[in-house]
Amino acid sequence: MNHRALADDILLSASAQESPNVAITDKIYVKNHRQIGSQLETNIPKGAFKGATLDMLFQGENLAQLDDTTQERVLDFAEDFLDCDCQSNPYCGCAERKFMRYLLDLREQGLGPEAIVDVMSDDYMVYAYPGDVLSFLDNSVRTLEAVEELAAVEGDDEAKSEAREKKRTLSG
């Protein structure tokens, strides 16, 4: 069994839960959403992962109405997060899981919450509040602590070690 994949799956699954905390992807917003709405001649929701936002931004005729820079970022976002084979794509949850993995990867590269917000804004024209990113990262570390303790109870030293290492990486 691939314990790294198991630790990642548990972490992403726990991080995606909406109770008691709202998922981080509910706190990811489209940068300049009013300007984009103006280009599309309609109102679009601020939330990047809202169904109406995804519908409006990723329809071909709407995409063609966006300026070149915005169009490029929207296409990058679609390529990196919306590319899956699920029948219910983009409403299957894959995009949210991929985006959380992206945030965790940025943290593993040593970036703090403010730098993560800067990078996601540059990469995809989306943003979050640094405090929301910090909460997500903190919840991720707490989840890994639970995984580590459960692995210890089960006597699974490899999973325990993997959770500890991942926790150390995310803690900085």
C-alpha atoms as a PDB file:
ATOM      1  CA  MET A   1       0.000   0.000   0.000  1.00  0.00           C
ATOM      2  CA  ASN A   2       1.264   3.482  -0.860  1.00  0.00           C
ATOM      3  CA  HIS A   3       1.205   5.272   2.497  1.00  0.00           C
ATOM      4  CA  ARG A   4       2.050   8.673   1.009  1.00  0.00           C
ATOM      5  CA  ALA A   5      -1.013   8.446  -1.193  1.00  0.00           C
ATOM      6  CA  LEU A   6      -3.058   7.292   1.812  1.00  0.00           C
ATOM      7  CA  ALA A   7      -1.889  10.237   3.939  1.00  0.00           C
ATOM      8  CA  ASP A   8      -2.636  12.635   1.067  1.00  0.00           C
ATOM      9  CA  ASP A   9      -6.108  11.124   0.523  1.00  0.00           C
ATOM     10  CA  ILE A  10      -6.977  11.351   4.217  1.00  0.00           C
ATOM     11  CA  LEU A  11      -5.664  14.898   4.458  1.00  0.00           C
ATOM     12  CA  LEU A  12      -7.542  16.114   1.380  1.00  0.00           C
ATOM     13  CA  SER A  13     -10.715  14.311   2.378  1.00  0.00           C
ATOM     14  CA  ALA A  14     -10.673  15.762   5.871  1.00  0.00           C
ATOM     15  CA  SER A  15      -9.773  19.229   4.576  1.00  0.00           C
ATOM     16  CA  ALA A  16     -12.679  19.178   2.134  1.00  0.00           C
ATOM     17  CA  GLN A  17     -15.280  18.546   4.843  1.00  0.00           C
ATOM     18  CA  GLU A  18     -17.637  21.450   5.275  1.00  0.00           C
ATOM     19  CA  SER A  19     -18.493  20.750   8.914  1.00  0.00           C
ATOM     20  CA  PRO A  20     -17.703  22.284  11.253  1.00  0.00           C
ATOM     21  CA  ASN A  21     -15.538  24.544   9.071  1.00  0.00           C
ATOM     22  CA  VAL A  22     -16.299  25.816   5.606  1.00  0.00           C
ATOM     23  CA  ALA A  23     -14.031  24.273   2.979  1.00  0.00           C
ATOM     24  CA  ILE A  24     -11.146  26.485   1.846  1.00  0.00           C
ATOM     25  CA  THR A  25     -12.423  26.340  -1.727  1.00  0.00           C
ATOM     26  CA  ASP A  26     -15.559  28.203  -0.568  1.00  0.00           C
ATOM     27  CA  LYS A  27     -13.192  31.023   0.390  1.00  0.00           C
ATOM     28  CA  ILE A  28     -11.389  31.296  -2.946  1.00  0.00           C
ATOM     29  CA  TYR A  29     -12.533  34.308  -4.923  1.00  0.00           C
ATOM     30  CA  VAL A  30     -12.225  35.491  -8.514  1.00  0.00           C
ATOM     31  CA  LYS A  31      -9.952  38.501  -8.661  1.00  0.00           C
ATOM     32  CA  ASN A  32     -11.600  41.455 -10.423  1.00  0.00           C
ATOM     33  CA  HIS A  33     -14.880  39.546 -10.680  1.00  0.00           C
ATOM     34  CA  ARG A  34     -16.815  42.776 -11.355  1.00  0.00           C
ATOM     35  CA  GLN A  35     -14.484  43.684 -14.222  1.00  0.00           C
ATOM     36  CA  ILE A  36     -14.858  40.173 -15.635  1.00  0.00           C
ATOM     37  CA  GLY A  37     -18.628  40.422 -15.229  1.00  0.00           C
ATOM     38  CA  SER A  38     -18.499  43.694 -17.148  1.00  0.00           C
ATOM     39  CA  GLN A  39     -16.599  42.003 -19.988  1.00  0.00           C
ATOM     40  CA  LEU A  40     -19.261  39.273 -20.041  1.00  0.00           C
ATOM     41  CA  GLU A  41     -22.059  41.845 -19.648  1.00  0.00           C
ATOM     42  CA  THR A  42     -23.502  39.964 -16.674  1.00  0.00           C
ATOM     43  CA  ASN A  43     -22.993  39.538 -12.952  1.00  0.00           C
ATOM     44  CA  ILE A  44     -20.840  36.631 -11.852  1.00  0.00           C
ATOM     45  CA  PRO A  45     -20.493  35.304  -8.318  1.00  0.00           C
ATOM     46  CA  LYS A  46     -17.332  36.200  -6.452  1.00  0.00           C
ATOM     47  CA  GLY A  47     -16.616  32.572  -5.449  1.00  0.00           C
ATOM     48  CA  ALA A  48     -14.237  30.829  -7.856  1.00  0.00           C
ATOM     49  CA  PHE A  49     -15.741  27.376  -7.238  1.00  0.00           C
ATOM     50  CA  LYS A  50     -19.412  28.407  -7.355  1.00  0.00           C
ATOM     51  CA  GLY A  51     -21.390  26.568 -10.015  1.00  0.00           C
ATOM     52  CA  ALA A  52     -22.545  29.751 -11.735  1.00  0.00           C
ATOM     53  CA  THR A  53     -18.964  31.056 -11.892  1.00  0.00           C
ATOM     54  CA  LEU A  54     -17.726  27.839 -13.450  1.00  0.00           C
ATOM     55  CA  ASP A  55     -20.616  27.804 -15.912  1.00  0.00           C
ATOM     56  CA  MET A  56     -20.102  31.403 -17.014  1.00  0.00           C
ATOM     57  CA  LEU A  57     -16.319  31.464 -17.233  1.00  0.00           C
ATOM     58  CA  PHE A  58     -15.836  28.165 -18.988  1.00  0.00           C
ATOM     59  CA  GLN A  59     -18.424  28.387 -21.730  1.00  0.00           C
ATOM     60  CA  GLY A  60     -16.738  28.968 -25.074  1.00  0.00           C
ATOM     61  CA  GLU A  61     -18.711  32.013 -26.093  1.00  0.00           C
ATOM     62  CA  ASN A  62     -18.071  33.681 -22.721  1.00  0.00           C
ATOM     63  CA  LEU A  63     -14.383  32.840 -22.736  1.00  0.00           C
ATOM     64  CA  ALA A  64     -13.988  34.576 -26.102  1.00  0.00           C
ATOM     65  CA  GLN A  65     -15.347  37.825 -24.598  1.00  0.00           C
ATOM     66  CA  LEU A  66     -12.572  38.061 -21.994  1.00  0.00           C
ATOM     67  CA  ASP A  67      -9.397  40.077 -22.495  1.00  0.00           C
ATOM     68  CA  ASP A  68      -6.297  38.061 -23.398  1.00  0.00           C
ATOM     69  CA  THR A  69      -4.730  38.061 -19.914  1.00  0.00           C
ATOM     70  CA  THR A  70      -7.942  36.996 -18.186  1.00  0.00           C
ATOM     71  CA  GLN A  71      -8.625  34.394 -20.848  1.00  0.00           C
ATOM     72  CA  GLU A  72      -5.136  32.922 -20.359  1.00  0.00           C
ATOM     73  CA  ARG A  73      -5.588  32.666 -16.575  1.00  0.00           C
ATOM     74  CA  VAL A  74      -9.047  31.129 -16.910  1.00  0.00           C
ATOM     75  CA  LEU A  75      -7.681  28.545 -19.342  1.00  0.00           C
ATOM     76  CA  ASP A  76      -4.756  27.795 -16.988  1.00  0.00           C
ATOM     77  CA  PHE A  77      -7.219  27.309 -14.131  1.00  0.00           C
ATOM     78  CA  ALA A  78      -9.389  25.007 -16.253  1.00  0.00           C
ATOM     79  CA  GLU A  79      -6.399  22.970 -17.417  1.00  0.00           C
ATOM     80  CA  ASP A  80      -4.939  22.565 -13.933  1.00  0.00           C
ATOM     81  CA  PHE A  81      -8.094  21.984 -11.898  1.00  0.00           C
ATOM     82  CA  LEU A  82     -11.075  21.137 -14.094  1.00  0.00           C
ATOM     83  CA  ASP A  83      -9.456  18.413 -16.183  1.00  0.00           C
ATOM     84  CA  CYS A  84     -10.984  15.127 -15.065  1.00  0.00           C
ATOM     85  CA  ASP A  85     -12.988  12.322 -16.614  1.00  0.00           C
ATOM     86  CA  CYS A  86     -15.908  12.473 -14.195  1.00  0.00           C
ATOM     87  CA  GLN A  87     -19.327  12.568 -15.764  1.00  0.00           C
ATOM     88  CA  SER A  88     -20.407  15.404 -13.452  1.00  0.00           C
ATOM     89  CA  ASN A  89     -17.291  17.561 -14.081  1.00  0.00           C
ATOM     90  CA  PRO A  90     -16.887  20.365 -12.888  1.00  0.00           C
ATOM     91  CA  TYR A  91     -19.298  19.533 -10.034  1.00  0.00           C
ATOM     92  CA  CYS A  92     -17.627  16.273  -9.005  1.00  0.00           C
ATOM     93  CA  GLY A  93     -15.262  17.715  -6.371  1.00  0.00           C
ATOM     94  CA  CYS A  94     -12.079  16.934  -8.295  1.00  0.00           C
ATOM     95  CA  ALA A  95     -11.369  20.625  -8.919  1.00  0.00           C
ATOM     96  CA  GLU A  96     -11.620  21.410  -5.214  1.00  0.00           C
ATOM     97  CA  ARG A  97      -9.345  18.499  -4.258  1.00  0.00           C
ATOM     98  CA  LYS A  98      -6.785  19.510  -6.897  1.00  0.00           C
ATOM     99  CA  PHE A  99      -6.853  23.099  -5.660  1.00  0.00           C
ATOM    100  CA  MET A 100      -6.311  22.010  -2.048  1.00  0.00           C
ATOM    101  CA  ARG A 101      -3.386  19.865  -3.222  1.00  0.00           C
ATOM    102  CA  TYR A 102      -2.024  22.978  -5.001  1.00  0.00           C
ATOM    103  CA  LEU A 103      -2.242  24.982  -1.756  1.00  0.00           C
ATOM    104  CA  LEU A 104      -0.521  22.212   0.205  1.00  0.00           C
ATOM    105  CA  ASP A 105       2.206  21.948  -2.442  1.00  0.00           C
ATOM    106  CA  LEU A 106       2.852  25.687  -2.186  1.00  0.00           C
ATOM    107  CA  ARG A 107       3.173  25.346   1.581  1.00  0.00           C
ATOM    108  CA  GLU A 108       5.513  22.385   1.192  1.00  0.00           C
ATOM    109  CA  GLN A 109       7.687  24.657  -0.978  1.00  0.00           C
ATOM    110  CA  GLY A 110       8.054  26.883   2.084  1.00  0.00           C
ATOM    111  CA  LEU A 111       5.545  29.597   1.228  1.00  0.00           C
ATOM    112  CA  GLY A 112       3.532  31.243   3.986  1.00  0.00           C
ATOM    113  CA  PRO A 113      -0.146  32.199   3.716  1.00  0.00           C
ATOM    114  CA  GLU A 114       0.474  35.673   2.243  1.00  0.00           C
ATOM    115  CA  ALA A 115       2.899  34.319  -0.367  1.00  0.00           C
ATOM    116  CA  ILE A 116       0.454  31.528  -1.235  1.00  0.00           C
ATOM    117  CA  VAL A 117      -2.252  34.148  -1.860  1.00  0.00           C
ATOM    118  CA  ASP A 118       0.162  36.123  -4.055  1.00  0.00           C
ATOM    119  CA  VAL A 119       1.096  33.053  -6.111  1.00  0.00           C
ATOM    120  CA  MET A 120      -2.501  31.882  -6.628  1.00  0.00           C
ATOM    121  CA  SER A 121      -3.438  35.408  -7.670  1.00  0.00           C
ATOM    122  CA  ASP A 122      -0.584  35.558 -10.188  1.00  0.00           C
ATOM    123  CA  ASP A 123      -1.197  32.031 -11.479  1.00  0.00           C
ATOM    124  CA  TYR A 124      -4.991  32.004 -11.773  1.00  0.00           C
ATOM    125  CA  MET A 125      -6.451  35.439 -10.916  1.00  0.00           C
ATOM    126  CA  VAL A 126      -8.033  34.031  -7.757  1.00  0.00           C
ATOM    127  CA  TYR A 127      -7.398  35.071  -4.188  1.00  0.00           C
ATOM    128  CA  ALA A 128      -8.196  34.259  -0.597  1.00  0.00           C
ATOM    129  CA  TYR A 129      -7.598  36.024   2.658  1.00  0.00           C
ATOM    130  CA  PRO A 130      -4.281  34.982   4.246  1.00  0.00           C
ATOM    131  CA  GLY A 131      -6.117  34.167   7.488  1.00  0.00           C
ATOM    132  CA  ASP A 132      -8.337  31.674   5.653  1.00  0.00           C
ATOM    133  CA  VAL A 133      -5.271  30.028   4.109  1.00  0.00           C
ATOM    134  CA  LEU A 134      -3.630  29.900   7.552  1.00  0.00           C
ATOM    135  CA  SER A 135      -6.752  28.245   9.001  1.00  0.00           C
ATOM    136  CA  PHE A 136      -6.747  25.680   6.189  1.00  0.00           C
ATOM    137  CA  LEU A 137      -3.072  24.890   6.793  1.00  0.00           C
ATOM    138  CA  ASP A 138      -3.611  24.680  10.550  1.00  0.00           C
ATOM    139  CA  ASN A 139      -6.567  22.311  10.087  1.00  0.00           C
ATOM    140  CA  SER A 140      -4.414  20.227   7.735  1.00  0.00           C
ATOM    141  CA  VAL A 141      -1.707  19.917  10.399  1.00  0.00           C
ATOM    142  CA  ARG A 142      -4.322  18.936  13.025  1.00  0.00           C
ATOM    143  CA  THR A 143      -5.662  16.293  10.645  1.00  0.00           C
ATOM    144  CA  LEU A 144      -2.163  14.894  10.173  1.00  0.00           C
ATOM    145  CA  GLU A 145      -1.730  14.766  13.946  1.00  0.00           C
ATOM    146  CA  ALA A 146      -4.875  12.641  14.140  1.00  0.00           C
ATOM    147  CA  VAL A 147      -3.625  10.400  11.317  1.00  0.00           C
ATOM    148  CA  GLU A 148      -0.310   9.999  13.117  1.00  0.00           C
ATOM    149  CA  GLU A 149      -2.040   9.014  16.368  1.00  0.00           C
ATOM    150  CA  LEU A 150      -4.405   6.573  14.649  1.00  0.00           C
ATOM    151  CA  ALA A 151      -1.490   4.979  12.798  1.00  0.00           C
ATOM    152  CA  ALA A 152       0.306   4.564  16.138  1.00  0.00           C
ATOM    153  CA  VAL A 153      -2.757   2.848  17.625  1.00  0.00           C
ATOM    154  CA  GLU A 154      -2.938   0.556  14.597  1.00  0.00           C
ATOM    155  CA  GLY A 155       0.793  -0.152  14.825  1.00  0.00           C
ATOM    156  CA  ASP A 156       1.368   1.162  11.316  1.00  0.00           C
ATOM    157  CA  ASP A 157       4.808   2.712  11.726  1.00  0.00           C
ATOM    158  CA  GLU A 158       5.122   3.600   8.039  1.00  0.00           C
ATOM    159  CA  ALA A 159       1.853   5.571   7.970  1.00  0.00           C
ATOM    160  CA  LYS A 160       2.757   7.178  11.285  1.00  0.00           C
ATOM    161  CA  SER A 161       6.130   8.250   9.919  1.00  0.00           C
ATOM    162  CA  GLU A 162       4.583   9.575   6.704  1.00  0.00           C
ATOM    163  CA  ALA A 163       2.001  11.627   8.611  1.00  0.00           C
ATOM    164  CA  ARG A 164       4.720  12.998  10.917  1.00  0.00           C
ATOM    165  CA  GLU A 165       6.928  13.972   7.956  1.00  0.00           C
ATOM    166  CA  LYS A 166       4.064  15.618   6.085  1.00  0.00           C
ATOM    167  CA  LYS A 167       3.062  17.472   9.267  1.00  0.00           C
ATOM    168  CA  ARG A 168       6.629  18.695   9.712  1.00  0.00           C
ATOM    169  CA  THR A 169       6.740  19.882   6.101  1.00  0.00           C
ATOM    170  CA  LEU A 170       3.457  21.793   6.419  1.00  0.00           C
ATOM    171  CA  SER A 171       4.412  23.277   9.796  1.00  0.00           C
ATOM    172  CA  GLY A 172       7.479  24.898   8.303  1.00  0.00           C
END
